[in-house]
Amino acid sequence: MANSNKGIAYQYLLALLPALITVGGWQAAAWAFDYFDCSGNIKNLQSCFAGGVDIVPAIGLGLFWCQILSWICVPISGGQFLGVLARQIAAHFGWRNLVLWPTAKTQDAPGRGRYRRRAPDERA
């Protein structure tokens, strides 16, 4: 039981990664807009250079798409994070077959030939 939580940190990171990318991209674009003294609004950004490179596409991506996608990615990432946490708690207490979101289609459901598991002695 002591090794049940071994190597689970990457699952937390993968669960939070979409939220970190979208919110981080949005905040990085807002910071770069002020730091590099860019002018204009979201529809009419003037040329903005950082070290000789025009960064208007990156700022536009961060201020527009990352802001919109964060409304979708943050709740999904939060749900994934809670799912990983629930599985870790279940593993800690030794609970087996934890079903977080039950679905109607299961392989073991009777009457569904397509989703039924075959016994080892059955032939296709």
Protein backbone atom coordinates (compact mmCIF):
# COMPACT_ATOMS: atom_id res chain seq x y z
CA MET A 1 0.00 0.00 0.00
CA ALA A 2 2.96 2.33 0.50
CA ASN A 3 3.78 2.34 -3.21
CA SER A 4 0.23 3.14 -4.39
CA ASN A 5 1.02 6.86 -4.76
CA LYS A 6 4.38 6.40 -6.45
CA GLY A 7 4.71 8.35 -9.69
CA ILE A 8 1.39 10.17 -9.53
CA ALA A 9 2.81 13.70 -9.69
CA TYR A 10 2.91 13.63 -13.49
CA GLN A 11 -0.83 12.92 -13.55
CA TYR A 12 -1.50 16.06 -11.53
CA LEU A 13 0.73 18.01 -13.91
CA LEU A 14 -1.04 16.62 -16.98
CA ALA A 15 -4.42 17.44 -15.44
CA LEU A 16 -3.46 21.06 -14.81
CA LEU A 17 -1.42 21.60 -17.99
CA PRO A 18 -4.24 22.96 -20.23
CA ALA A 19 -5.23 25.50 -17.59
CA LEU A 20 -1.62 26.52 -17.01
CA ILE A 21 -0.97 26.99 -20.73
CA THR A 22 -4.07 29.06 -21.46
CA VAL A 23 -4.00 31.26 -18.37
CA GLY A 24 -0.21 31.55 -18.54
CA GLY A 25 -0.33 32.53 -22.22
CA TRP A 26 -2.97 35.14 -21.52
CA GLN A 27 -0.99 36.64 -18.63
CA ALA A 28 2.29 36.52 -20.59
CA ALA A 29 0.66 38.37 -23.49
CA ALA A 30 -0.78 41.01 -21.16
CA TRP A 31 2.64 41.46 -19.57
CA ALA A 32 4.43 41.66 -22.95
CA PHE A 33 1.89 44.21 -24.23
CA ASP A 34 2.80 46.55 -21.36
CA TYR A 35 6.50 45.73 -21.12
CA PHE A 36 7.30 46.24 -24.81
CA ASP A 37 5.10 49.35 -24.92
CA CYS A 38 2.76 48.08 -27.63
CA SER A 39 -0.10 50.28 -28.76
CA GLY A 40 -3.53 49.72 -30.23
CA ASN A 41 -6.40 47.50 -29.23
CA ILE A 42 -7.16 43.85 -29.89
CA LYS A 43 -8.46 44.50 -33.42
CA ASN A 44 -5.87 47.09 -34.42
CA LEU A 45 -2.51 46.23 -32.87
CA GLN A 46 0.32 48.37 -34.14
CA SER A 47 3.70 46.81 -34.91
CA CYS A 48 5.43 45.82 -31.71
CA PHE A 49 9.01 44.62 -31.72
CA ALA A 50 11.05 42.71 -29.16
CA GLY A 51 14.69 42.39 -30.16
CA GLY A 52 13.90 42.99 -33.82
CA VAL A 53 11.10 40.39 -33.93
CA ASP A 54 7.49 41.44 -34.44
CA ILE A 55 5.57 39.91 -31.54
CA VAL A 56 2.07 41.07 -32.56
CA PRO A 57 0.93 37.53 -33.56
CA ALA A 58 2.00 36.11 -30.20
CA ILE A 59 0.31 38.93 -28.30
CA GLY A 60 -2.82 38.56 -30.38
CA LEU A 61 -2.86 34.82 -29.74
CA GLY A 62 -2.45 35.32 -26.01
CA LEU A 63 -4.93 38.14 -25.63
CA PHE A 64 -7.62 36.57 -27.80
CA TRP A 65 -7.43 32.78 -28.03
CA CYS A 66 -5.86 32.04 -24.66
CA GLN A 67 -8.44 34.20 -22.94
CA ILE A 68 -11.32 32.42 -24.69
CA LEU A 69 -9.89 28.93 -24.29
CA SER A 70 -9.22 29.48 -20.58
CA TRP A 71 -13.00 29.51 -19.98
CA ILE A 72 -13.12 25.99 -21.40
CA CYS A 73 -9.80 24.55 -20.21
CA VAL A 74 -9.84 25.70 -16.58
CA PRO A 75 -13.06 23.85 -15.57
CA ILE A 76 -12.02 20.73 -17.49
CA SER A 77 -8.58 20.80 -15.87
CA GLY A 78 -10.18 21.27 -12.47
CA GLY A 79 -12.36 18.22 -13.05
CA GLN A 80 -9.40 16.16 -14.19
CA PHE A 81 -7.43 17.30 -11.14
CA LEU A 82 -10.25 16.25 -8.82
CA GLY A 83 -10.48 12.91 -10.64
CA VAL A 84 -6.77 12.24 -10.11
CA LEU A 85 -7.13 13.26 -6.47
CA ALA A 86 -10.12 10.92 -6.01
CA ARG A 87 -8.21 8.02 -7.56
CA GLN A 88 -5.22 8.71 -5.31
CA ILE A 89 -7.43 8.78 -2.20
CA ALA A 90 -9.14 5.56 -3.31
CA ALA A 91 -5.76 3.89 -3.86
CA HIS A 92 -4.60 5.07 -0.44
CA PHE A 93 -7.58 3.47 1.30
CA GLY A 94 -7.41 0.35 -0.84
CA TRP A 95 -10.76 0.80 -2.62
CA ARG A 96 -11.03 -1.18 -5.80
CA ASN A 97 -12.90 -0.42 -9.03
CA LEU A 98 -13.64 3.21 -8.30
CA VAL A 99 -16.00 4.51 -11.00
CA LEU A 100 -16.01 8.31 -11.10
CA TRP A 101 -18.26 8.84 -14.10
CA PRO A 102 -20.36 5.77 -14.90
CA THR A 103 -21.38 5.31 -18.50
CA ALA A 104 -24.24 3.39 -20.05
CA LYS A 105 -22.01 1.35 -22.35
CA THR A 106 -19.82 -1.13 -20.55
CA GLN A 107 -18.15 -4.21 -21.87
CA ASP A 108 -19.70 -6.43 -19.23
CA ALA A 109 -23.31 -5.31 -19.74
CA PRO A 110 -25.57 -8.16 -20.81
CA GLY A 111 -27.37 -7.96 -24.14
CA ARG A 112 -24.75 -5.90 -25.88
CA GLY A 113 -22.91 -8.23 -28.16
CA ARG A 114 -20.61 -5.60 -29.53
CA TYR A 115 -19.35 -4.52 -26.12
CA ARG A 116 -19.37 -7.94 -24.47
CA ARG A 117 -16.09 -9.44 -23.36
CA ARG A 118 -15.50 -12.85 -24.80
CA ALA A 119 -14.56 -15.69 -22.58
CA PRO A 120 -11.08 -17.10 -23.28
CA ASP A 121 -12.51 -20.34 -24.70
CA GLU A 122 -14.89 -18.59 -27.16
CA ARG A 123 -13.78 -18.13 -30.74
CA ALA A 124 -14.47 -15.15 -32.94
